[in-house]
């Protein structure tokens, strides 16, 4: 709904996502192409939701070896 009280979703350009994720632009483009990152062309650039980029920064709990937390 336009004009509502909700803020617009934050987005990043490909260069901004590269800087945040410390990845090359080629990797970001591959992630968009492969569906690992959502991207939408707006005008002459692609915009990526900032929350999708931030989610890639969070450590994946499922990837930790089982029982690792008990040994810390």
N, C-alpha and C. Protein backbone atom coordinates (compact mmCIF):
# COMPACT_ATOMS: atom_id res chain seq x y z
N UNK A 1 0.84 -1.18 0.00
CA UNK A 1 0.00 0.00 0.00
C UNK A 1 0.89 1.24 0.00
N UNK A 2 0.71 2.08 -0.96
CA UNK A 2 1.50 3.30 -1.06
C UNK A 2 0.91 4.35 -0.13
N UNK A 3 1.78 5.05 0.57
CA UNK A 3 1.33 6.09 1.47
C UNK A 3 1.02 5.59 2.86
N UNK A 4 1.27 4.30 3.12
CA UNK A 4 1.03 3.75 4.44
C UNK A 4 2.13 4.15 5.41
N UNK A 5 2.02 3.67 6.62
CA UNK A 5 3.00 4.00 7.64
C UNK A 5 4.25 3.11 7.58
N UNK A 6 4.22 2.07 6.76
CA UNK A 6 5.36 1.16 6.68
C UNK A 6 6.47 1.79 5.84
N UNK A 7 7.71 1.68 6.30
CA UNK A 7 8.81 2.22 5.50
C UNK A 7 9.06 1.34 4.27
N UNK A 8 9.61 1.95 3.25
CA UNK A 8 9.97 1.18 2.06
C UNK A 8 11.11 0.23 2.41
N UNK A 9 11.15 -0.93 1.75
CA UNK A 9 12.25 -1.86 2.04
C UNK A 9 13.59 -1.25 1.64
N UNK A 10 14.59 -1.48 2.49
CA UNK A 10 15.93 -0.99 2.17
C UNK A 10 16.54 -1.89 1.09
N UNK A 11 17.24 -1.28 0.18
CA UNK A 11 17.90 -2.04 -0.89
C UNK A 11 19.35 -1.62 -1.01
N UNK A 12 20.11 -2.47 -1.68
CA UNK A 12 21.52 -2.19 -1.96
C UNK A 12 21.76 -2.42 -3.44
N UNK A 13 22.71 -1.68 -3.98
CA UNK A 13 23.17 -1.93 -5.34
C UNK A 13 24.19 -3.07 -5.29
N UNK A 14 24.55 -3.58 -6.45
CA UNK A 14 25.55 -4.66 -6.50
C UNK A 14 26.88 -4.20 -5.89
N UNK A 15 27.39 -3.00 -6.21
CA UNK A 15 28.65 -2.57 -5.58
C UNK A 15 28.55 -2.47 -4.06
N UNK A 16 27.39 -2.02 -3.55
CA UNK A 16 27.21 -1.94 -2.10
C UNK A 16 27.21 -3.33 -1.47
N UNK A 17 26.53 -4.28 -2.11
CA UNK A 17 26.51 -5.65 -1.61
C UNK A 17 27.91 -6.25 -1.63
N UNK A 18 28.70 -5.94 -2.66
CA UNK A 18 30.09 -6.41 -2.74
C UNK A 18 30.89 -5.91 -1.55
N UNK A 19 30.72 -4.66 -1.20
CA UNK A 19 31.46 -4.07 -0.10
C UNK A 19 31.07 -4.71 1.23
N UNK A 20 29.78 -4.89 1.45
CA UNK A 20 29.30 -5.45 2.71
C UNK A 20 29.73 -6.91 2.86
N UNK A 21 29.57 -7.69 1.79
CA UNK A 21 29.86 -9.13 1.86
C UNK A 21 31.32 -9.46 1.59
N UNK A 22 32.10 -8.46 1.18
CA UNK A 22 33.53 -8.68 0.85
C UNK A 22 33.67 -9.74 -0.23
N UNK A 23 32.84 -9.59 -1.28
CA UNK A 23 32.85 -10.51 -2.41
C UNK A 23 33.01 -9.70 -3.69
N UNK A 24 33.45 -10.35 -4.75
CA UNK A 24 33.60 -9.67 -6.03
C UNK A 24 32.23 -9.46 -6.67
N UNK A 25 32.18 -8.53 -7.61
CA UNK A 25 30.92 -8.30 -8.31
C UNK A 25 30.51 -9.52 -9.11
N UNK A 26 31.49 -10.26 -9.63
CA UNK A 26 31.17 -11.49 -10.37
C UNK A 26 30.46 -12.50 -9.48
N UNK A 27 30.88 -12.59 -8.22
CA UNK A 27 30.24 -13.52 -7.28
C UNK A 27 28.82 -13.07 -6.98
N UNK A 28 28.62 -11.77 -6.76
CA UNK A 28 27.29 -11.25 -6.49
C UNK A 28 26.37 -11.51 -7.68
N UNK A 29 26.86 -11.26 -8.89
CA UNK A 29 26.05 -11.53 -10.09
C UNK A 29 25.69 -13.00 -10.17
N UNK A 30 26.64 -13.88 -9.86
CA UNK A 30 26.37 -15.32 -9.89
C UNK A 30 25.32 -15.69 -8.85
N UNK A 31 25.41 -15.09 -7.65
CA UNK A 31 24.41 -15.35 -6.61
C UNK A 31 23.02 -14.91 -7.07
N UNK A 32 22.92 -13.78 -7.75
CA UNK A 32 21.63 -13.32 -8.26
C UNK A 32 21.13 -14.29 -9.32
N UNK A 33 22.00 -14.66 -10.25
CA UNK A 33 21.62 -15.58 -11.32
C UNK A 33 21.18 -16.93 -10.78
N UNK A 34 21.88 -17.42 -9.75
CA UNK A 34 21.58 -18.73 -9.17
C UNK A 34 20.43 -18.69 -8.16
N UNK A 35 19.93 -17.50 -7.84
CA UNK A 35 18.83 -17.38 -6.90
C UNK A 35 19.24 -17.35 -5.44
N UNK A 36 20.55 -17.26 -5.15
CA UNK A 36 21.01 -17.17 -3.76
C UNK A 36 20.74 -15.79 -3.18
N UNK A 37 20.70 -14.79 -4.04
CA UNK A 37 20.35 -13.43 -3.64
C UNK A 37 19.25 -12.95 -4.58
N UNK A 38 18.18 -12.37 -4.03
CA UNK A 38 17.15 -11.81 -4.91
C UNK A 38 17.63 -10.48 -5.46
N UNK A 39 17.41 -10.26 -6.72
CA UNK A 39 17.79 -9.00 -7.33
C UNK A 39 16.73 -8.60 -8.34
N UNK A 40 16.49 -7.30 -8.44
CA UNK A 40 15.49 -6.81 -9.37
C UNK A 40 16.07 -5.63 -10.13
N UNK A 41 15.93 -5.66 -11.44
CA UNK A 41 16.44 -4.57 -12.25
C UNK A 41 15.50 -3.38 -12.14
N UNK A 42 16.07 -2.26 -11.76
CA UNK A 42 15.33 -1.00 -11.67
C UNK A 42 16.12 0.02 -12.47
N UNK A 43 15.57 0.42 -13.58
CA UNK A 43 16.31 1.32 -14.47
C UNK A 43 17.51 0.59 -15.05
N UNK A 44 18.70 1.13 -14.79
CA UNK A 44 19.92 0.54 -15.33
C UNK A 44 20.70 -0.26 -14.30
N UNK A 45 20.16 -0.42 -13.10
CA UNK A 45 20.90 -1.14 -12.07
C UNK A 45 20.03 -2.20 -11.41
N UNK A 46 20.68 -3.13 -10.75
CA UNK A 46 19.98 -4.14 -9.97
C UNK A 46 19.98 -3.72 -8.51
N UNK A 47 18.85 -3.94 -7.86
CA UNK A 47 18.72 -3.67 -6.43
C UNK A 47 18.49 -4.97 -5.70
N UNK A 48 19.15 -5.11 -4.58
CA UNK A 48 19.08 -6.31 -3.76
C UNK A 48 18.53 -5.90 -2.40
N UNK A 49 17.53 -6.62 -1.87
CA UNK A 49 17.04 -6.29 -0.54
C UNK A 49 18.16 -6.36 0.50
N UNK A 50 18.28 -5.33 1.31
CA UNK A 50 19.35 -5.27 2.31
C UNK A 50 19.24 -6.41 3.31
N UNK A 51 18.01 -6.82 3.64
CA UNK A 51 17.87 -7.92 4.60
C UNK A 51 18.40 -9.23 4.05
N UNK A 52 18.34 -9.42 2.73
CA UNK A 52 18.90 -10.63 2.12
C UNK A 52 20.43 -10.63 2.22
N UNK A 53 21.02 -9.45 2.03
CA UNK A 53 22.47 -9.32 2.15
C UNK A 53 22.88 -9.55 3.61
N UNK A 54 22.15 -8.93 4.53
CA UNK A 54 22.46 -9.08 5.96
C UNK A 54 22.30 -10.53 6.41
N UNK A 55 21.34 -11.24 5.84
CA UNK A 55 21.14 -12.65 6.20
C UNK A 55 22.35 -13.50 5.81
N UNK A 56 23.05 -13.10 4.76
CA UNK A 56 24.24 -13.84 4.34
C UNK A 56 25.40 -13.62 5.31
N UNK A 57 25.33 -12.55 6.10
CA UNK A 57 26.38 -12.26 7.07
C UNK A 57 26.23 -13.07 8.35
N UNK A 58 25.00 -13.47 8.65
CA UNK A 58 24.73 -14.19 9.89
C UNK A 58 25.31 -15.60 9.82
N UNK A 59 25.98 -16.04 10.89
CA UNK A 59 26.51 -17.41 10.89
C UNK A 59 25.36 -18.40 10.86
N UNK A 60 25.54 -19.44 10.11
CA UNK A 60 24.51 -20.45 9.99
C UNK A 60 24.66 -21.47 11.12
N UNK A 61 23.68 -21.53 12.00
CA UNK A 61 23.70 -22.45 13.13
C UNK A 61 23.66 -23.89 12.63
N UNK A 62 22.94 -24.13 11.55
CA UNK A 62 22.80 -25.49 11.03
C UNK A 62 24.14 -26.03 10.50
N UNK A 63 25.05 -25.14 10.12
CA UNK A 63 26.34 -25.57 9.60
C UNK A 63 27.33 -25.94 10.69
N UNK A 64 27.06 -25.59 11.92
CA UNK A 64 27.98 -25.90 13.03
C UNK A 64 27.92 -27.39 13.32
N UNK A 65 29.06 -27.99 13.66
CA UNK A 65 29.05 -29.41 14.00
C UNK A 65 28.14 -29.67 15.20
N UNK A 66 27.47 -30.78 15.19
CA UNK A 66 26.58 -31.09 16.29
C UNK A 66 27.39 -31.25 17.56
N UNK A 67 26.87 -30.69 18.64
CA UNK A 67 27.53 -30.79 19.92
C UNK A 67 28.61 -29.75 20.12
N UNK A 68 28.87 -28.91 19.13
CA UNK A 68 29.93 -27.91 19.24
C UNK A 68 29.62 -26.90 20.34
N UNK A 69 28.35 -26.54 20.49
CA UNK A 69 27.99 -25.54 21.50
C UNK A 69 28.20 -26.10 22.91
N UNK A 70 28.04 -27.38 23.07
CA UNK A 70 28.18 -27.99 24.40
C UNK A 70 29.63 -28.01 24.86
N UNK A 71 30.57 -27.93 23.91
CA UNK A 71 31.99 -28.03 24.25
C UNK A 71 32.64 -26.68 24.49
N UNK A 72 31.90 -25.59 24.28
CA UNK A 72 32.48 -24.25 24.46
C UNK A 72 32.51 -23.85 25.90
